[in-house]
Amino acid sequence: MVGFDPRGVGQSAPISCGLTADEQAVQHPYTARTFARDVALARTVADKCWAKAGDMLPHLTTRNTARDMDIVRAALGETKISYFGYSYGTYLGAVYTQMFPRRSDRFVLDSALDPTLAWRGTFRGWSAGAELAFTRWTEWAAARNATYGLGPTPAKVRKTYWELIARADRTPVPTNGGALSGGAIRSQYGAFVGVKTVTPWIVALKASAAGGPPAPATPTAPTASAVTAASAEPAVPGSAPVRSAGAGAFGADVPADNQSAVTWAAFCGDTRSWPRNLEQYRRDVIRDRAKYPLAGDLGATIQPCAFWKSAAREPATVVSNDVNALIVQNQWDPQATLPMAQGMRRALHGARMVTVADGEGHGVVVAGPSCADAGVTRYLTTGRLPAKDLTCGGQ
């Protein structure tokens, strides 16, 4: 069993852009007044990355990481590899199967991303999933109005939430981690997949806004946290294709912004999907916000890739092959949404997919136990895929 830090990550010559904490934030609420500031911030991040790590950035791509995996395979004298990839790691695994199909054995992809969306489409795709999860949450909370008092109907719950957002935009809500604006509250949209954890947080924010005690700064959402570097996650909002870890985890001094730096190296360097026209971002933000009020502007906002100094050196990988793989997916995943996983399934014609009905959060096997575990074990030990796509769990 082999784990590794991809190039630029952890102990593999970690890169840094010298970013401040504010510069590592990925998603910003749109207003006409603040758009110029968001543009300037994205430009600053790109400029700092190229000034500090420009000699490395063009080489830190998913295709190159897949090539590194194959070098490890060759060094070990193996004819094929089996693979477990999580979140971003599902995309890495899919790229490997496309580049090296004859060297791909048993591939498990946990919480899969649609390879056709890499990467701006991934950011924008989160908004659609968030709107579905938000609608489901309003129904859940309305059915429990006697407990939470957010409204007796989904429409009333929705109204309560948006009144909270409007109030917080006027006067940020006190929390134990600092005051939150309405935009900052909306940026936690991924938590709506966890109805039992997000609801008390909304209640606490509402009480705090009315003069009660400070609310928790964030909800406790059902997401996986510790992952290996080869099976990592682009979190919602704003994480990276690697595990972020400090000196204690890696045994070396890893820059605090290593996660952000390698995120942009891969996301900007993998594809040419990022427009250079700044007004395109403004138009997309306005359009997506109208369609997906909860998070449309957050997903479509301008990013450092708009100012990346070097376009992707290779075309984006088109994943379309018959390699065997097993995709496992929670129905309610905020980061690798169900439609994204279904997109991966369409790209991998030889794969099978197990969907966990009503499963919440990012990560199935990594956050288990799950009803999908037995099928994963059977596939890895015997090589046998299910005869067809399956759904397990549920009420």
Protein backbone atom coordinates (compact mmCIF):
# COMPACT_ATOMS: atom_id res chain seq x y z
CA MET A 1 0.00 0.00 0.00
CA VAL A 2 1.55 3.26 -1.18
CA GLY A 3 0.70 6.83 -0.23
CA PHE A 4 2.58 9.86 -1.45
CA ASP A 5 2.74 13.62 -1.36
CA PRO A 6 2.30 14.87 -4.94
CA ARG A 7 4.97 17.21 -6.23
CA GLY A 8 4.73 20.60 -4.53
CA VAL A 9 2.89 19.15 -1.54
CA GLY A 10 4.01 18.41 2.01
CA GLN A 11 7.46 16.82 1.95
CA SER A 12 7.60 16.81 -1.86
CA ALA A 13 9.27 20.23 -2.15
CA PRO A 14 6.25 22.17 -0.82
CA ILE A 15 5.51 25.40 -2.64
CA SER A 16 4.20 28.64 -1.20
CA CYS A 17 2.73 31.80 -2.66
CA GLY A 18 3.24 33.78 0.53
CA LEU A 19 -0.50 34.32 0.88
CA THR A 20 -2.17 35.92 3.87
CA ALA A 21 -5.23 34.30 5.44
CA ASP A 22 -7.52 36.73 3.61
CA GLU A 23 -5.81 35.95 0.30
CA GLN A 24 -6.52 32.25 0.78
CA ALA A 25 -10.29 32.80 0.86
CA VAL A 26 -11.83 31.43 -2.33
CA GLN A 27 -15.43 32.60 -2.43
CA HIS A 28 -16.66 36.18 -2.16
CA PRO A 29 -20.25 37.46 -2.21
CA TYR A 30 -20.90 39.68 -5.19
CA THR A 31 -21.91 43.30 -5.00
CA ALA A 32 -21.33 45.91 -7.67
CA ARG A 33 -19.46 47.94 -5.05
CA THR A 34 -17.01 45.18 -4.09
CA PHE A 35 -16.39 43.51 -7.45
CA ALA A 36 -13.34 45.67 -8.21
CA ARG A 37 -11.87 44.61 -4.87
CA ASP A 38 -12.46 40.93 -5.70
CA VAL A 39 -10.73 41.41 -9.05
CA ALA A 40 -7.76 43.06 -7.35
CA LEU A 41 -7.54 40.24 -4.80
CA ALA A 42 -7.56 37.54 -7.49
CA ARG A 43 -4.85 39.40 -9.41
CA THR A 44 -2.75 39.76 -6.26
CA VAL A 45 -2.91 36.04 -5.50
CA ALA A 46 -1.86 35.14 -9.04
CA ASP A 47 0.98 37.66 -9.03
CA LYS A 48 2.28 36.47 -5.67
CA CYS A 49 2.18 32.83 -6.75
CA TRP A 50 4.15 33.49 -9.91
CA ALA A 51 6.64 35.72 -8.12
CA LYS A 52 7.35 33.13 -5.43
CA ALA A 53 6.86 29.78 -7.21
CA GLY A 54 6.72 30.57 -10.92
CA ASP A 55 9.48 28.09 -11.79
CA MET A 56 7.38 25.24 -10.37
CA LEU A 57 3.79 26.21 -11.14
CA PRO A 58 3.64 25.03 -14.78
CA HIS A 59 4.68 21.52 -13.70
CA LEU A 60 2.16 21.02 -10.87
CA THR A 61 -0.73 19.60 -12.88
CA THR A 62 -2.96 16.58 -12.51
CA ARG A 63 -1.54 14.97 -15.65
CA ASN A 64 1.97 15.26 -14.24
CA THR A 65 0.85 13.77 -10.93
CA ALA A 66 -0.63 10.84 -12.89
CA ARG A 67 2.73 10.42 -14.62
CA ASP A 68 4.44 10.43 -11.23
CA MET A 69 2.08 7.68 -10.08
CA ASP A 70 3.11 5.59 -13.06
CA ILE A 71 6.79 6.17 -12.27
CA VAL A 72 6.13 4.84 -8.76
CA ARG A 73 4.43 1.81 -10.31
CA ALA A 74 7.42 1.17 -12.55
CA ALA A 75 9.90 1.63 -9.70
CA LEU A 76 8.05 -1.03 -7.71
CA GLY A 77 8.11 -3.43 -10.64
CA GLU A 78 4.33 -3.66 -10.81
CA THR A 79 2.50 -4.15 -14.09
CA LYS A 80 -0.69 -2.55 -12.78
CA ILE A 81 -1.87 -0.49 -9.83
CA SER A 82 -5.10 -0.45 -7.87
CA TYR A 83 -6.16 2.88 -6.47
CA PHE A 84 -8.37 4.56 -3.91
CA GLY A 85 -9.12 8.23 -4.59
CA TYR A 86 -11.29 10.66 -2.68
CA SER A 87 -12.77 13.94 -3.97
CA TYR A 88 -10.06 15.59 -6.10
CA GLY A 89 -8.38 12.20 -5.95
CA THR A 90 -11.26 10.80 -8.04
CA TYR A 91 -10.31 13.16 -10.84
CA LEU A 92 -6.66 12.20 -10.49
CA GLY A 93 -7.62 8.53 -10.65
CA ALA A 94 -9.79 9.08 -13.71
CA VAL A 95 -6.99 10.95 -15.47
CA TYR A 96 -4.64 8.05 -14.70
CA THR A 97 -7.06 5.54 -16.22
CA GLN A 98 -7.27 7.67 -19.34
CA MET A 99 -3.52 8.09 -19.70
CA PHE A 100 -2.56 4.56 -18.63
CA PRO A 101 -5.60 2.31 -19.18
CA ARG A 102 -3.56 -0.92 -19.47
CA ARG A 103 -1.89 -0.26 -16.13
CA SER A 104 -5.14 0.38 -14.25
CA ASP A 105 -6.46 -2.47 -12.13
CA ARG A 106 -9.09 -1.88 -9.40
CA PHE A 107 -10.02 1.79 -8.95
CA VAL A 108 -12.33 3.02 -6.19
CA LEU A 109 -13.49 6.62 -6.54
CA ASP A 110 -15.12 8.00 -3.40
CA SER A 111 -17.17 11.20 -3.88
CA ALA A 112 -16.46 11.77 -7.53
CA LEU A 113 -16.09 14.94 -9.57
CA ASP A 114 -17.30 15.32 -13.12
CA PRO A 115 -14.17 15.47 -15.32
CA THR A 116 -16.01 17.53 -17.93
CA LEU A 117 -16.41 20.37 -15.41
CA ALA A 118 -12.74 20.79 -14.48
CA TRP A 119 -12.32 23.29 -13.09
CA ARG A 120 -14.42 26.42 -13.33
CA GLY A 121 -17.48 24.28 -13.97
CA THR A 122 -16.85 22.52 -10.66
CA PHE A 123 -16.96 25.80 -8.74
CA ARG A 124 -20.16 26.84 -10.49
CA GLY A 125 -21.67 23.37 -10.09
CA TRP A 126 -21.62 23.64 -6.32
CA SER A 127 -24.33 26.30 -6.49
CA ALA A 128 -26.93 24.04 -8.09
CA GLY A 129 -26.31 21.34 -5.49
CA ALA A 130 -26.53 23.89 -2.70
CA GLU A 131 -29.95 25.09 -3.88
CA LEU A 132 -31.32 21.53 -3.84
CA ALA A 133 -29.91 20.89 -0.38
CA PHE A 134 -31.31 24.21 0.86
CA THR A 135 -34.79 23.32 -0.41
CA ARG A 136 -34.59 19.93 1.30
CA TRP A 137 -33.51 21.65 4.53
CA THR A 138 -36.46 24.07 4.48
CA GLU A 139 -38.82 21.10 4.25
CA TRP A 140 -37.03 19.29 7.10
CA ALA A 141 -36.99 22.33 9.38
CA ALA A 142 -40.64 23.17 8.67
CA ALA A 143 -41.67 19.66 9.70
CA ARG A 144 -39.92 20.32 13.04
CA ASN A 145 -41.10 23.85 13.67
CA ALA A 146 -42.21 22.92 17.18
CA THR A 147 -38.56 22.19 18.01
CA TYR A 148 -36.70 24.87 16.09
CA GLY A 149 -39.23 27.65 15.50
CA LEU A 150 -37.98 28.59 12.06
CA GLY A 151 -41.37 28.43 10.37
CA PRO A 152 -44.28 26.02 9.89
CA THR A 153 -43.88 25.77 6.11
CA PRO A 154 -40.86 25.54 3.80
CA ALA A 155 -41.71 29.02 2.47
CA LYS A 156 -41.71 30.45 6.00
CA VAL A 157 -38.39 28.75 6.81
CA ARG A 158 -36.92 30.17 3.62
CA LYS A 159 -38.22 33.64 4.57
CA THR A 160 -36.69 33.33 8.05
CA TYR A 161 -33.30 32.48 6.56
CA TRP A 162 -33.25 35.32 4.07
CA GLU A 163 -34.38 37.80 6.72
CA LEU A 164 -31.40 36.65 8.79
CA ILE A 165 -29.07 37.16 5.81
CA ALA A 166 -30.42 40.66 5.14
CA ARG A 167 -30.09 41.60 8.81
CA ALA A 168 -26.54 40.25 8.96
CA ASP A 169 -25.58 42.27 5.89
CA ARG A 170 -26.77 45.38 7.71
CA THR A 171 -25.30 44.43 11.09
CA PRO A 172 -22.96 41.40 11.20
CA VAL A 173 -24.05 38.70 13.65
CA PRO A 174 -21.81 38.13 16.69
CA THR A 175 -20.26 34.67 16.91
CA ASN A 176 -17.50 33.15 19.01
CA GLY A 177 -15.19 33.50 16.01
CA GLY A 178 -16.06 37.07 15.06
CA ALA A 179 -19.04 38.81 13.53
CA LEU A 180 -20.51 37.31 10.34
CA SER A 181 -22.07 39.23 7.49
CA GLY A 182 -24.87 37.75 5.45
CA GLY A 183 -22.40 36.82 2.75
CA ALA A 184 -20.18 35.05 5.27
CA ILE A 185 -23.18 33.07 6.52
CA ARG A 186 -24.12 32.14 2.97
CA SER A 187 -20.58 30.93 2.34
CA GLN A 188 -21.35 28.02 4.69
CA TYR A 189 -23.92 26.75 2.18
CA GLY A 190 -22.31 23.32 2.06
CA ALA A 191 -23.58 22.67 5.58
CA PHE A 192 -27.19 22.48 4.40
CA VAL A 193 -26.66 18.85 3.40
CA GLY A 194 -26.50 18.07 7.13
CA VAL A 195 -29.99 19.02 8.24
CA LYS A 196 -29.49 17.94 11.85
CA THR A 197 -26.32 19.97 12.30
CA VAL A 198 -27.06 23.12 10.31
CA THR A 199 -30.47 23.77 11.87
CA PRO A 200 -29.25 24.47 15.44
CA TRP A 201 -26.64 26.80 13.95
CA ILE A 202 -29.25 28.83 12.08
CA VAL A 203 -31.32 28.98 15.28
CA ALA A 204 -28.27 30.20 17.22
CA LEU A 205 -27.46 32.83 14.59
CA LYS A 206 -31.04 34.08 14.66
CA ALA A 207 -30.92 34.37 18.44
CA SER A 208 -27.56 36.12 18.37
CA ALA A 209 -28.80 38.61 15.78
CA ALA A 210 -31.67 39.43 18.16
CA GLY A 211 -29.28 40.19 21.04
CA GLY A 212 -28.71 36.72 22.44
CA PRO A 213 -25.35 35.07 23.18
CA PRO A 214 -22.81 34.75 20.35
CA ALA A 215 -23.49 31.81 18.05
CA PRO A 216 -20.87 29.27 16.98
CA ALA A 217 -18.79 30.62 14.11
CA THR A 218 -19.54 27.59 11.92
CA PRO A 219 -21.91 24.63 11.95
CA THR A 220 -20.58 21.18 12.62
CA ALA A 221 -21.24 19.68 9.21
CA PRO A 222 -20.86 15.95 8.41
CA THR A 223 -17.74 16.17 6.25
CA ALA A 224 -14.58 14.11 6.23
CA SER A 225 -11.48 15.95 7.39
CA ALA A 226 -8.35 13.81 7.34
CA VAL A 227 -7.38 12.50 3.93
CA THR A 228 -4.21 11.43 2.24
CA ALA A 229 -2.47 13.66 -0.23
CA ALA A 230 -3.23 11.33 -3.12
CA SER A 231 -6.94 11.24 -2.36
CA ALA A 232 -7.67 14.79 -1.42
CA GLU A 233 -10.52 17.24 -1.65
CA PRO A 234 -11.41 20.57 -3.17
CA ALA A 235 -13.66 21.60 -0.32
CA VAL A 236 -16.62 23.91 -0.32
CA PRO A 237 -15.70 26.57 0.11
CA GLY A 238 -12.08 26.96 -0.77
CA SER A 239 -9.95 23.99 -0.06
CA ALA A 240 -7.45 22.16 -2.15
CA PRO A 241 -6.38 18.97 -3.88
CA VAL A 242 -4.18 18.06 -0.92
CA ARG A 243 -4.31 17.68 2.80
CA SER A 244 -3.29 20.83 4.60
CA ALA A 245 -0.87 19.91 7.35
CA GLY A 246 1.77 21.55 9.47
CA ALA A 247 5.21 20.55 10.60
CA GLY A 248 3.93 17.96 13.03
CA ALA A 249 2.06 16.00 10.37
CA PHE A 250 4.75 15.95 7.71
CA GLY A 251 7.86 16.14 9.90
CA ALA A 252 8.94 19.22 7.96
CA ASP A 253 8.08 22.89 7.92
CA VAL A 254 5.24 23.12 5.43
CA PRO A 255 4.17 26.66 4.45
CA ALA A 256 0.82 27.68 5.87
CA ASP A 257 -0.51 28.44 2.39
CA ASN A 258 0.78 25.25 0.75
CA GLN A 259 -2.79 23.98 0.34
CA SER A 260 -3.92 27.13 -1.44
CA ALA A 261 -0.79 27.32 -3.58
CA VAL A 262 -1.10 23.81 -4.98
CA THR A 263 -4.84 24.26 -5.44
CA TRP A 264 -4.29 27.12 -7.84
CA ALA A 265 -1.36 25.39 -9.49
CA ALA A 266 -3.59 22.45 -10.42
CA PHE A 267 -6.90 24.22 -11.01
CA CYS A 268 -5.36 26.98 -13.13
CA GLY A 269 -2.78 24.78 -14.84
CA ASP A 270 -4.97 21.81 -15.76
CA THR A 271 -7.34 23.54 -18.17
CA ARG A 272 -8.02 26.67 -20.16
CA SER A 273 -11.56 26.93 -18.82
CA TRP A 274 -10.97 30.23 -17.00
CA PRO A 275 -12.03 33.34 -18.95
CA ARG A 276 -9.61 36.25 -19.27
CA ASN A 277 -12.45 38.70 -19.84
CA LEU A 278 -13.23 40.19 -16.42
CA GLU A 279 -16.72 41.23 -17.44
CA GLN A 280 -17.49 37.58 -18.20
CA TYR A 281 -17.14 36.87 -14.47
CA ARG A 282 -19.44 39.75 -13.59
CA ARG A 283 -22.08 38.52 -16.03
CA ASP A 284 -21.76 34.92 -14.82
CA VAL A 285 -22.01 35.98 -11.18
CA ILE A 286 -25.20 37.97 -11.80
CA ARG A 287 -26.72 35.18 -13.90
CA ASP A 288 -25.84 32.40 -11.42
CA ARG A 289 -27.01 34.41 -8.42
CA ALA A 290 -30.40 34.92 -10.07
CA LYS A 291 -30.68 31.20 -10.78
CA TYR A 292 -29.19 29.96 -7.51
CA PRO A 293 -29.75 32.69 -4.89
CA LEU A 294 -28.00 30.86 -2.06
CA ALA A 295 -24.55 30.49 -3.62
CA GLY A 296 -24.58 31.35 -7.31
CA ASP A 297 -22.36 34.38 -6.90
CA LEU A 298 -19.96 32.50 -4.63
CA GLY A 299 -19.30 29.78 -7.19
CA ALA A 300 -19.02 32.03 -10.24
CA THR A 301 -16.83 34.73 -8.70
CA ILE A 302 -13.50 35.67 -10.25
CA GLN A 303 -10.49 33.57 -9.23
CA PRO A 304 -6.69 33.89 -9.58
CA CYS A 305 -6.83 31.66 -12.68
CA ALA A 306 -8.16 34.66 -14.60
CA PHE A 307 -4.69 36.20 -14.21
CA TRP A 308 -2.53 33.07 -14.42
CA LYS A 309 0.59 34.01 -16.35
CA SER A 310 0.86 30.73 -18.23
CA ALA A 311 -1.99 28.94 -19.95
CA ALA A 312 -2.28 25.19 -19.48
CA ARG A 313 0.59 23.56 -21.36
CA GLU A 314 -1.53 20.56 -22.32
CA PRO A 315 -5.17 20.26 -23.33
CA ALA A 316 -7.55 19.25 -20.57
CA THR A 317 -7.83 15.49 -20.24
CA VAL A 318 -10.94 14.09 -21.89
CA VAL A 319 -11.92 11.09 -19.76
CA SER A 320 -13.76 8.44 -21.75
CA ASN A 321 -12.70 4.82 -21.32
CA ASP A 322 -13.80 1.30 -20.37
CA VAL A 323 -11.49 0.79 -17.39
CA ASN A 324 -13.21 -0.93 -14.45
CA ALA A 325 -13.90 1.33 -11.49
CA LEU A 326 -16.29 1.55 -8.55
CA ILE A 327 -17.76 4.96 -7.74
CA VAL A 328 -19.33 5.42 -4.30
CA GLN A 329 -21.37 8.53 -3.61
CA ASN A 330 -23.56 10.15 -0.96
CA GLN A 331 -26.82 11.53 -2.29
CA TRP A 332 -26.29 14.76 -0.36
CA ASP A 333 -22.67 15.75 -0.83
CA PRO A 334 -21.94 19.49 -0.95
CA GLN A 335 -18.52 19.21 -2.59
CA ALA A 336 -18.81 16.33 -5.03
CA THR A 337 -22.50 16.65 -5.77
CA LEU A 338 -24.56 13.75 -7.02
CA PRO A 339 -24.76 15.19 -10.57
CA MET A 340 -20.97 15.51 -10.57
CA ALA A 341 -20.56 11.86 -9.61
CA GLN A 342 -23.05 10.89 -12.29
CA GLY A 343 -20.88 12.81 -14.75
CA MET A 344 -17.88 10.71 -13.71
CA ARG A 345 -19.99 7.58 -14.18
CA ARG A 346 -20.83 8.63 -17.75
CA ALA A 347 -17.14 9.18 -18.49
CA LEU A 348 -16.07 5.77 -17.15
CA HIS A 349 -18.06 3.32 -19.25
CA GLY A 350 -16.72 0.24 -17.48
CA ALA A 351 -17.53 1.55 -14.00
CA ARG A 352 -20.36 0.87 -11.59
CA MET A 353 -21.77 3.35 -9.10
CA VAL A 354 -23.17 2.81 -5.61
CA THR A 355 -25.25 5.73 -4.33
CA VAL A 356 -25.97 6.02 -0.61
CA ALA A 357 -29.59 7.18 -0.45
CA ASP A 358 -29.97 10.08 2.00
CA GLY A 359 -26.24 9.91 2.68
CA GLU A 360 -25.01 13.29 3.92
CA GLY A 361 -21.60 14.90 3.71
CA HIS A 362 -18.43 14.63 1.71
CA GLY A 363 -16.91 11.17 1.72
CA VAL A 364 -18.48 7.72 1.86
CA VAL A 365 -15.80 5.17 2.76
CA VAL A 366 -13.50 7.80 4.28
CA ALA A 367 -16.27 9.03 6.58
CA GLY A 368 -17.89 5.61 7.17
CA PRO A 369 -19.19 3.25 8.22
CA SER A 370 -21.46 3.12 5.21
CA CYS A 371 -23.72 0.66 3.45
CA ALA A 372 -21.28 0.91 0.52
CA ASP A 373 -18.33 -0.46 2.51
CA ALA A 374 -18.98 -4.14 1.84
CA GLY A 375 -19.18 -3.61 -1.90
CA VAL A 376 -15.91 -1.68 -1.88
CA THR A 377 -14.16 -4.44 0.07
CA ARG A 378 -15.55 -7.12 -2.23
CA TYR A 379 -14.37 -5.25 -5.33
CA LEU A 380 -10.87 -4.59 -4.00
CA THR A 381 -10.40 -8.18 -2.84
CA THR A 382 -12.00 -10.03 -5.75
CA GLY A 383 -12.08 -7.56 -8.63
CA ARG A 384 -15.81 -8.16 -9.10
CA LEU A 385 -17.97 -5.13 -9.78
CA PRO A 386 -21.71 -5.12 -9.13
CA ALA A 387 -23.71 -6.26 -12.14
CA LYS A 388 -25.37 -2.83 -12.33
CA ASP A 389 -25.41 0.54 -10.60
CA LEU A 390 -26.91 0.26 -7.12
CA THR A 391 -28.52 2.36 -4.41
CA CYS A 392 -28.21 1.40 -0.75
CA GLY A 393 -29.32 2.85 2.55
CA GLY A 394 -32.16 5.32 2.84
CA GLN A 395 -35.02 5.61 5.25
